[in-house]
Amino acid sequence: MSPTTLKRYADRDGFLTLGVHWRYGAHKNSPRIWNLRLCQQALDYRSRVKK
């Protein structure tokens, strides 16, 4: 999954949350740092709930 897709899930859909699934980098222009294990768990849970 691309970082752009993860960012969309965090910004628009709101189910990936700051401090849990991702955090800001050290500088203003740094990319987000993703906790991929927790992101995958959230995506798996979301796919099970939507069915």
PDB file of N, CA and C in Angstrom:
ATOM      1  N   MET A   1       0.848  -1.164   0.000  1.00  0.00           N
ATOM      2  CA  MET A   1       0.000   0.000   0.000  1.00  0.00           C
ATOM      3  C   MET A   1       0.897   1.232   0.000  1.00  0.00           C
ATOM      4  N   SER A   2       0.514   2.216  -0.750  1.00  0.00           N
ATOM      5  CA  SER A   2       1.352   3.404  -0.885  1.00  0.00           C
ATOM      6  C   SER A   2       1.161   4.362   0.296  1.00  0.00           C
ATOM      7  N   PRO A   3       2.184   5.175   0.564  1.00  0.00           N
ATOM      8  CA  PRO A   3       2.045   6.195   1.605  1.00  0.00           C
ATOM      9  C   PRO A   3       0.912   7.185   1.299  1.00  0.00           C
ATOM     10  N   THR A   4       0.645   7.419   0.025  1.00  0.00           N
ATOM     11  CA  THR A   4      -0.444   8.312  -0.362  1.00  0.00           C
ATOM     12  C   THR A   4      -1.794   7.745   0.071  1.00  0.00           C
ATOM     13  N   THR A   5      -1.967   6.450  -0.099  1.00  0.00           N
ATOM     14  CA  THR A   5      -3.212   5.802   0.321  1.00  0.00           C
ATOM     15  C   THR A   5      -3.355   5.856   1.834  1.00  0.00           C
ATOM     16  N   LEU A   6      -2.279   5.587   2.551  1.00  0.00           N
ATOM     17  CA  LEU A   6      -2.329   5.674   4.018  1.00  0.00           C
ATOM     18  C   LEU A   6      -2.672   7.092   4.465  1.00  0.00           C
ATOM     19  N   LYS A   7      -2.069   8.072   3.808  1.00  0.00           N
ATOM     20  CA  LYS A   7      -2.349   9.472   4.156  1.00  0.00           C
ATOM     21  C   LYS A   7      -3.821   9.801   3.905  1.00  0.00           C
ATOM     22  N   ARG A   8      -4.382   9.308   2.814  1.00  0.00           N
ATOM     23  CA  ARG A   8      -5.800   9.536   2.528  1.00  0.00           C
ATOM     24  C   ARG A   8      -6.682   8.904   3.600  1.00  0.00           C
ATOM     25  N   TYR A   9      -6.339   7.688   4.024  1.00  0.00           N
ATOM     26  CA  TYR A   9      -7.108   7.039   5.089  1.00  0.00           C
ATOM     27  C   TYR A   9      -7.029   7.829   6.387  1.00  0.00           C
ATOM     28  N   ALA A  10      -5.884   8.434   6.649  1.00  0.00           N
ATOM     29  CA  ALA A  10      -5.723   9.210   7.883  1.00  0.00           C
ATOM     30  C   ALA A  10      -6.445  10.559   7.783  1.00  0.00           C
ATOM     31  N   ASP A  11      -6.289  11.253   6.662  1.00  0.00           N
ATOM     32  CA  ASP A  11      -6.819  12.611   6.544  1.00  0.00           C
ATOM     33  C   ASP A  11      -8.307  12.651   6.210  1.00  0.00           C
ATOM     34  N   ARG A  12      -8.700  11.898   5.230  1.00  0.00           N
ATOM     35  CA  ARG A  12     -10.084  11.982   4.766  1.00  0.00           C
ATOM     36  C   ARG A  12     -11.004  11.013   5.509  1.00  0.00           C
ATOM     37  N   ASP A  13     -10.572   9.770   5.626  1.00  0.00           N
ATOM     38  CA  ASP A  13     -11.431   8.752   6.219  1.00  0.00           C
ATOM     39  C   ASP A  13     -11.343   8.732   7.742  1.00  0.00           C
ATOM     40  N   GLY A  14     -10.218   9.168   8.285  1.00  0.00           N
ATOM     41  CA  GLY A  14     -10.080   9.349   9.726  1.00  0.00           C
ATOM     42  C   GLY A  14      -9.945   8.101  10.565  1.00  0.00           C
ATOM     43  N   PHE A  15      -9.727   6.948   9.975  1.00  0.00           N
ATOM     44  CA  PHE A  15      -9.613   5.768  10.823  1.00  0.00           C
ATOM     45  C   PHE A  15      -8.169   5.400  11.168  1.00  0.00           C
ATOM     46  N   LEU A  16      -7.204   6.055  10.565  1.00  0.00           N
ATOM     47  CA  LEU A  16      -5.815   5.932  11.006  1.00  0.00           C
ATOM     48  C   LEU A  16      -5.494   7.207  11.774  1.00  0.00           C
ATOM     49  N   THR A  17      -5.158   7.072  13.051  1.00  0.00           N
ATOM     50  CA  THR A  17      -5.084   8.232  13.925  1.00  0.00           C
ATOM     51  C   THR A  17      -3.653   8.598  14.304  1.00  0.00           C
ATOM     52  N   LEU A  18      -3.460   9.883  14.456  1.00  0.00           N
ATOM     53  CA  LEU A  18      -2.183  10.443  14.885  1.00  0.00           C
ATOM     54  C   LEU A  18      -1.852   9.933  16.282  1.00  0.00           C
ATOM     55  N   GLY A  19      -0.627   9.502  16.464  1.00  0.00           N
ATOM     56  CA  GLY A  19      -0.179   9.007  17.754  1.00  0.00           C
ATOM     57  C   GLY A  19      -0.385   7.513  17.946  1.00  0.00           C
ATOM     58  N   VAL A  20      -1.239   6.932  17.123  1.00  0.00           N
ATOM     59  CA  VAL A  20      -1.472   5.480  17.191  1.00  0.00           C
ATOM     60  C   VAL A  20      -0.912   4.820  15.942  1.00  0.00           C
ATOM     61  N   HIS A  21      -1.415   5.226  14.788  1.00  0.00           N
ATOM     62  CA  HIS A  21      -1.024   4.610  13.524  1.00  0.00           C
ATOM     63  C   HIS A  21       0.101   5.353  12.818  1.00  0.00           C
ATOM     64  N   TRP A  22       0.288   6.616  13.135  1.00  0.00           N
ATOM     65  CA  TRP A  22       1.331   7.403  12.488  1.00  0.00           C
ATOM     66  C   TRP A  22       1.714   8.576  13.382  1.00  0.00           C
ATOM     67  N   ARG A  23       2.868   9.156  13.056  1.00  0.00           N
ATOM     68  CA  ARG A  23       3.313  10.377  13.735  1.00  0.00           C
ATOM     69  C   ARG A  23       4.061  11.222  12.723  1.00  0.00           C
ATOM     70  N   TYR A  24       4.240  12.481  13.074  1.00  0.00           N
ATOM     71  CA  TYR A  24       5.002  13.363  12.197  1.00  0.00           C
ATOM     72  C   TYR A  24       6.480  13.057  12.328  1.00  0.00           C
ATOM     73  N   GLY A  25       7.238  13.345  11.271  1.00  0.00           N
ATOM     74  CA  GLY A  25       8.684  13.194  11.300  1.00  0.00           C
ATOM     75  C   GLY A  25       9.323  14.275  12.157  1.00  0.00           C
ATOM     76  N   ALA A  26      10.631  14.284  12.197  1.00  0.00           N
ATOM     77  CA  ALA A  26      11.370  15.200  13.065  1.00  0.00           C
ATOM     78  C   ALA A  26      11.255  16.655  12.618  1.00  0.00           C
ATOM     79  N   HIS A  27      11.039  16.891  11.347  1.00  0.00           N
ATOM     80  CA  HIS A  27      10.988  18.247  10.814  1.00  0.00           C
ATOM     81  C   HIS A  27       9.675  18.481  10.090  1.00  0.00           C
ATOM     82  N   LYS A  28       9.374  19.744   9.855  1.00  0.00           N
ATOM     83  CA  LYS A  28       8.116  20.110   9.214  1.00  0.00           C
ATOM     84  C   LYS A  28       7.941  19.441   7.848  1.00  0.00           C
ATOM     85  N   ASN A  29       9.007  19.313   7.103  1.00  0.00           N
ATOM     86  CA  ASN A  29       8.926  18.727   5.765  1.00  0.00           C
ATOM     87  C   ASN A  29       9.203  17.226   5.730  1.00  0.00           C
ATOM     88  N   SER A  30       9.388  16.623   6.872  1.00  0.00           N
ATOM     89  CA  SER A  30       9.644  15.181   6.929  1.00  0.00           C
ATOM     90  C   SER A  30       8.371  14.409   6.592  1.00  0.00           C
ATOM     91  N   PRO A  31       8.517  13.233   6.015  1.00  0.00           N
ATOM     92  CA  PRO A  31       7.330  12.407   5.767  1.00  0.00           C
ATOM     93  C   PRO A  31       6.778  11.864   7.087  1.00  0.00           C
ATOM     94  N   ARG A  32       5.550  11.426   7.040  1.00  0.00           N
ATOM     95  CA  ARG A  32       4.948  10.792   8.212  1.00  0.00           C
ATOM     96  C   ARG A  32       5.644   9.468   8.471  1.00  0.00           C
ATOM     97  N   ILE A  33       5.662   9.080   9.719  1.00  0.00           N
ATOM     98  CA  ILE A  33       6.235   7.789  10.106  1.00  0.00           C
ATOM     99  C   ILE A  33       5.062   6.896  10.503  1.00  0.00           C
ATOM    100  N   TRP A  34       4.932   5.803   9.780  1.00  0.00           N
ATOM    101  CA  TRP A  34       3.782   4.920   9.935  1.00  0.00           C
ATOM    102  C   TRP A  34       4.131   3.718  10.796  1.00  0.00           C
ATOM    103  N   ASN A  35       3.223   3.318  11.664  1.00  0.00           N
ATOM    104  CA  ASN A  35       3.329   2.065  12.385  1.00  0.00           C
ATOM    105  C   ASN A  35       2.582   1.039  11.529  1.00  0.00           C
ATOM    106  N   LEU A  36       3.316   0.352  10.688  1.00  0.00           N
ATOM    107  CA  LEU A  36       2.694  -0.513   9.686  1.00  0.00           C
ATOM    108  C   LEU A  36       1.924  -1.673  10.295  1.00  0.00           C
ATOM    109  N   ARG A  37       2.401  -2.188  11.406  1.00  0.00           N
ATOM    110  CA  ARG A  37       1.689  -3.292  12.065  1.00  0.00           C
ATOM    111  C   ARG A  37       0.291  -2.849  12.506  1.00  0.00           C
ATOM    112  N   LEU A  38       0.198  -1.673  13.140  1.00  0.00           N
ATOM    113  CA  LEU A  38      -1.101  -1.176  13.590  1.00  0.00           C
ATOM    114  C   LEU A  38      -1.981  -0.729  12.429  1.00  0.00           C
ATOM    115  N   CYS A  39      -1.366  -0.189  11.378  1.00  0.00           N
ATOM    116  CA  CYS A  39      -2.136   0.165  10.184  1.00  0.00           C
ATOM    117  C   CYS A  39      -2.748  -1.080   9.564  1.00  0.00           C
ATOM    118  N   GLN A  40      -1.972  -2.142   9.463  1.00  0.00           N
ATOM    119  CA  GLN A  40      -2.486  -3.384   8.891  1.00  0.00           C
ATOM    120  C   GLN A  40      -3.621  -3.951   9.736  1.00  0.00           C
ATOM    121  N   GLN A  41      -3.495  -3.890  11.049  1.00  0.00           N
ATOM    122  CA  GLN A  41      -4.564  -4.363  11.930  1.00  0.00           C
ATOM    123  C   GLN A  41      -5.843  -3.548  11.720  1.00  0.00           C
ATOM    124  N   ALA A  42      -5.707  -2.225  11.604  1.00  0.00           N
ATOM    125  CA  ALA A  42      -6.869  -1.368  11.386  1.00  0.00           C
ATOM    126  C   ALA A  42      -7.525  -1.657  10.036  1.00  0.00           C
ATOM    127  N   LEU A  43      -6.714  -1.867   9.005  1.00  0.00           N
ATOM    128  CA  LEU A  43      -7.258  -2.187   7.688  1.00  0.00           C
ATOM    129  C   LEU A  43      -7.945  -3.545   7.688  1.00  0.00           C
ATOM    130  N   ASP A  44      -7.353  -4.523   8.350  1.00  0.00           N
ATOM    131  CA  ASP A  44      -7.978  -5.843   8.446  1.00  0.00           C
ATOM    132  C   ASP A  44      -9.311  -5.766   9.176  1.00  0.00           C
ATOM    133  N   TYR A  45      -9.338  -5.038  10.278  1.00  0.00           N
ATOM    134  CA  TYR A  45     -10.574  -4.876  11.059  1.00  0.00           C
ATOM    135  C   TYR A  45     -11.641  -4.182  10.227  1.00  0.00           C
ATOM    136  N   ARG A  46     -11.246  -3.129   9.532  1.00  0.00           N
ATOM    137  CA  ARG A  46     -12.197  -2.379   8.702  1.00  0.00           C
ATOM    138  C   ARG A  46     -12.785  -3.249   7.595  1.00  0.00           C
ATOM    139  N   SER A  47     -11.958  -4.090   6.996  1.00  0.00           N
ATOM    140  CA  SER A  47     -12.463  -4.950   5.923  1.00  0.00           C
ATOM    141  C   SER A  47     -13.436  -6.005   6.470  1.00  0.00           C
ATOM    142  N   ARG A  48     -13.209  -6.478   7.689  1.00  0.00           N
ATOM    143  CA  ARG A  48     -14.123  -7.451   8.297  1.00  0.00           C
ATOM    144  C   ARG A  48     -15.448  -6.793   8.666  1.00  0.00           C
ATOM    145  N   VAL A  49     -15.429  -5.569   9.159  1.00  0.00           N
ATOM    146  CA  VAL A  49     -16.629  -4.879   9.578  1.00  0.00           C
ATOM    147  C   VAL A  49     -17.502  -4.501   8.395  1.00  0.00           C
ATOM    148  N   LYS A  50     -16.884  -4.125   7.281  1.00  0.00           N
ATOM    149  CA  LYS A  50     -17.640  -3.691   6.104  1.00  0.00           C
ATOM    150  C   LYS A  50     -18.384  -4.821   5.419  1.00  0.00           C
ATOM    151  N   LYS A  51     -17.998  -6.056   5.634  1.00  0.00           N
ATOM    152  CA  LYS A  51     -18.639  -7.184   4.938  1.00  0.00           C
ATOM    153  C   LYS A  51     -20.024  -7.443   5.435  1.00  0.00           C
TER     154      LYS A  51
END
